[in-house]
């Protein structure tokens, strides 16, 4: 499980450096969330979920509804329901800073 999550993270970093917020980047983050949720630490899964939600927002606009249409439909109901609860202004601010650094 740790090896799988590490490989998803490495793939996500590669996609982010080449094609940030592309469809492949958003999909890789979703795979990371699924891996962490099914086999990992709940707090790490929640952090990955926040990243997935925010990347979807940057890439496609919208919020949880758009995320659910694109990737959330694959998740277990309990995890998909949690998506609406994990977003908060503090995590959004950290993510925006990361985006600003990547875009220059």
C-alpha atoms as a PDB file:
ATOM      1  CA  UNK A   1       0.000   0.000   0.000  1.00  0.00           C
ATOM      2  CA  UNK A   2       2.762   2.445   0.904  1.00  0.00           C
ATOM      3  CA  UNK A   3       4.568   1.623  -2.324  1.00  0.00           C
ATOM      4  CA  UNK A   4       1.396   2.159  -4.346  1.00  0.00           C
ATOM      5  CA  UNK A   5       0.719   5.529  -2.704  1.00  0.00           C
ATOM      6  CA  UNK A   6       4.344   6.550  -3.234  1.00  0.00           C
ATOM      7  CA  UNK A   7       4.090   5.736  -6.936  1.00  0.00           C
ATOM      8  CA  UNK A   8       0.836   7.721  -7.280  1.00  0.00           C
ATOM      9  CA  UNK A   9       2.517  10.658  -5.538  1.00  0.00           C
ATOM     10  CA  UNK A  10       5.516  10.466  -7.849  1.00  0.00           C
ATOM     11  CA  UNK A  11       3.255  10.333 -10.913  1.00  0.00           C
ATOM     12  CA  UNK A  12       1.238  13.279  -9.582  1.00  0.00           C
ATOM     13  CA  UNK A  13       4.389  15.366  -9.100  1.00  0.00           C
ATOM     14  CA  UNK A  14       5.489  14.557 -12.651  1.00  0.00           C
ATOM     15  CA  UNK A  15       2.104  15.506 -14.111  1.00  0.00           C
ATOM     16  CA  UNK A  16       2.006  18.681 -12.014  1.00  0.00           C
ATOM     17  CA  UNK A  17       5.428  19.728 -13.302  1.00  0.00           C
ATOM     18  CA  UNK A  18       4.586  19.087 -16.966  1.00  0.00           C
ATOM     19  CA  UNK A  19       0.831  19.641 -17.311  1.00  0.00           C
ATOM     20  CA  UNK A  20      -0.479  21.123 -14.051  1.00  0.00           C
ATOM     21  CA  UNK A  21      -4.218  20.869 -13.494  1.00  0.00           C
ATOM     22  CA  UNK A  22      -4.725  18.833 -16.646  1.00  0.00           C
ATOM     23  CA  UNK A  23      -7.136  15.937 -16.825  1.00  0.00           C
ATOM     24  CA  UNK A  24      -4.330  13.462 -16.151  1.00  0.00           C
ATOM     25  CA  UNK A  25      -3.189  15.450 -13.117  1.00  0.00           C
ATOM     26  CA  UNK A  26      -6.722  15.511 -11.691  1.00  0.00           C
ATOM     27  CA  UNK A  27      -7.135  11.767 -12.336  1.00  0.00           C
ATOM     28  CA  UNK A  28      -3.833  10.916 -10.672  1.00  0.00           C
ATOM     29  CA  UNK A  29      -4.870  12.810  -7.556  1.00  0.00           C
ATOM     30  CA  UNK A  30      -8.135  10.844  -7.529  1.00  0.00           C
ATOM     31  CA  UNK A  31      -6.227   7.570  -7.686  1.00  0.00           C
ATOM     32  CA  UNK A  32      -4.090   8.715  -4.786  1.00  0.00           C
ATOM     33  CA  UNK A  33      -7.210   9.496  -2.741  1.00  0.00           C
ATOM     34  CA  UNK A  34      -8.653   6.054  -3.477  1.00  0.00           C
ATOM     35  CA  UNK A  35      -5.410   4.323  -2.523  1.00  0.00           C
ATOM     36  CA  UNK A  36      -5.015   6.248   0.714  1.00  0.00           C
ATOM     37  CA  UNK A  37      -8.683   5.857   1.650  1.00  0.00           C
ATOM     38  CA  UNK A  38      -8.789   2.135   1.070  1.00  0.00           C
ATOM     39  CA  UNK A  39      -5.507   1.217   2.681  1.00  0.00           C
ATOM     40  CA  UNK A  40      -3.866   4.183   4.354  1.00  0.00           C
ATOM     41  CA  UNK A  41      -4.051   6.612   7.184  1.00  0.00           C
ATOM     42  CA  UNK A  42      -7.392   8.518   7.364  1.00  0.00           C
ATOM     43  CA  UNK A  43      -5.699  11.897   7.885  1.00  0.00           C
ATOM     44  CA  UNK A  44      -3.468  11.338   4.843  1.00  0.00           C
ATOM     45  CA  UNK A  45      -6.531  10.312   2.822  1.00  0.00           C
ATOM     46  CA  UNK A  46      -8.305  13.513   3.881  1.00  0.00           C
ATOM     47  CA  UNK A  47      -5.311  15.604   2.845  1.00  0.00           C
ATOM     48  CA  UNK A  48      -5.266  13.867  -0.550  1.00  0.00           C
ATOM     49  CA  UNK A  49      -9.014  14.463  -0.862  1.00  0.00           C
ATOM     50  CA  UNK A  50      -8.531  18.195  -0.267  1.00  0.00           C
ATOM     51  CA  UNK A  51      -5.805  18.277  -2.935  1.00  0.00           C
ATOM     52  CA  UNK A  52      -8.071  16.451  -5.373  1.00  0.00           C
ATOM     53  CA  UNK A  53     -10.971  18.828  -4.745  1.00  0.00           C
ATOM     54  CA  UNK A  54      -8.819  21.901  -5.117  1.00  0.00           C
ATOM     55  CA  UNK A  55      -7.064  20.680  -8.259  1.00  0.00           C
ATOM     56  CA  UNK A  56     -10.450  19.978  -9.816  1.00  0.00           C
ATOM     57  CA  UNK A  57     -11.617  23.472  -8.886  1.00  0.00           C
ATOM     58  CA  UNK A  58      -8.541  25.072 -10.483  1.00  0.00           C
ATOM     59  CA  UNK A  59      -8.731  22.872 -13.590  1.00  0.00           C
ATOM     60  CA  UNK A  60     -12.480  22.945 -14.248  1.00  0.00           C
ATOM     61  CA  UNK A  61     -14.074  25.500 -11.932  1.00  0.00           C
ATOM     62  CA  UNK A  62     -16.928  24.730  -9.617  1.00  0.00           C
ATOM     63  CA  UNK A  63     -16.702  22.856  -6.385  1.00  0.00           C
ATOM     64  CA  UNK A  64     -17.714  19.526  -4.958  1.00  0.00           C
ATOM     65  CA  UNK A  65     -20.420  19.011  -7.609  1.00  0.00           C
ATOM     66  CA  UNK A  66     -17.918  19.249 -10.460  1.00  0.00           C
ATOM     67  CA  UNK A  67     -15.454  17.069  -8.564  1.00  0.00           C
ATOM     68  CA  UNK A  68     -18.148  14.443  -8.051  1.00  0.00           C
ATOM     69  CA  UNK A  69     -19.078  14.417 -11.749  1.00  0.00           C
ATOM     70  CA  UNK A  70     -15.453  14.022 -12.844  1.00  0.00           C
ATOM     71  CA  UNK A  71     -13.894  11.706 -10.271  1.00  0.00           C
ATOM     72  CA  UNK A  72     -15.994  11.472  -7.098  1.00  0.00           C
ATOM     73  CA  UNK A  73     -18.537   9.099  -8.625  1.00  0.00           C
ATOM     74  CA  UNK A  74     -15.894   6.345  -8.364  1.00  0.00           C
ATOM     75  CA  UNK A  75     -15.471   6.761  -4.626  1.00  0.00           C
ATOM     76  CA  UNK A  76     -17.316   4.917  -1.877  1.00  0.00           C
ATOM     77  CA  UNK A  77     -20.376   6.866  -0.720  1.00  0.00           C
ATOM     78  CA  UNK A  78     -18.820   7.620   2.660  1.00  0.00           C
ATOM     79  CA  UNK A  79     -15.755   9.218   1.066  1.00  0.00           C
ATOM     80  CA  UNK A  80     -17.726  11.109  -1.565  1.00  0.00           C
ATOM     81  CA  UNK A  81     -19.980  12.511   1.180  1.00  0.00           C
ATOM     82  CA  UNK A  82     -16.936  13.634   3.138  1.00  0.00           C
ATOM     83  CA  UNK A  83     -15.784  15.761   0.206  1.00  0.00           C
ATOM     84  CA  UNK A  84     -18.251  18.504   1.070  1.00  0.00           C
ATOM     85  CA  UNK A  85     -16.986  18.662   4.637  1.00  0.00           C
ATOM     86  CA  UNK A  86     -13.215  18.821   4.161  1.00  0.00           C
ATOM     87  CA  UNK A  87     -12.844  22.070   2.282  1.00  0.00           C
ATOM     88  CA  UNK A  88     -11.950  25.062   4.393  1.00  0.00           C
ATOM     89  CA  UNK A  89     -10.408  28.498   3.811  1.00  0.00           C
ATOM     90  CA  UNK A  90      -7.052  27.571   5.379  1.00  0.00           C
ATOM     91  CA  UNK A  91      -6.478  24.606   3.062  1.00  0.00           C
ATOM     92  CA  UNK A  92      -7.627  26.690   0.078  1.00  0.00           C
ATOM     93  CA  UNK A  93      -5.105  29.408   0.919  1.00  0.00           C
ATOM     94  CA  UNK A  94      -2.224  26.898   1.118  1.00  0.00           C
ATOM     95  CA  UNK A  95      -3.269  25.442  -2.221  1.00  0.00           C
ATOM     96  CA  UNK A  96      -3.516  28.872  -3.888  1.00  0.00           C
ATOM     97  CA  UNK A  97       0.004  29.658  -2.707  1.00  0.00           C
ATOM     98  CA  UNK A  98       1.212  26.392  -4.225  1.00  0.00           C
ATOM     99  CA  UNK A  99      -0.547  27.246  -7.515  1.00  0.00           C
ATOM    100  CA  UNK A 100       0.960  30.741  -7.576  1.00  0.00           C
ATOM    101  CA  UNK A 101       4.445  29.307  -7.081  1.00  0.00           C
ATOM    102  CA  UNK A 102       3.976  26.800  -9.883  1.00  0.00           C
ATOM    103  CA  UNK A 103       2.581  29.349 -12.333  1.00  0.00           C
ATOM    104  CA  UNK A 104       5.243  31.912 -11.501  1.00  0.00           C
END
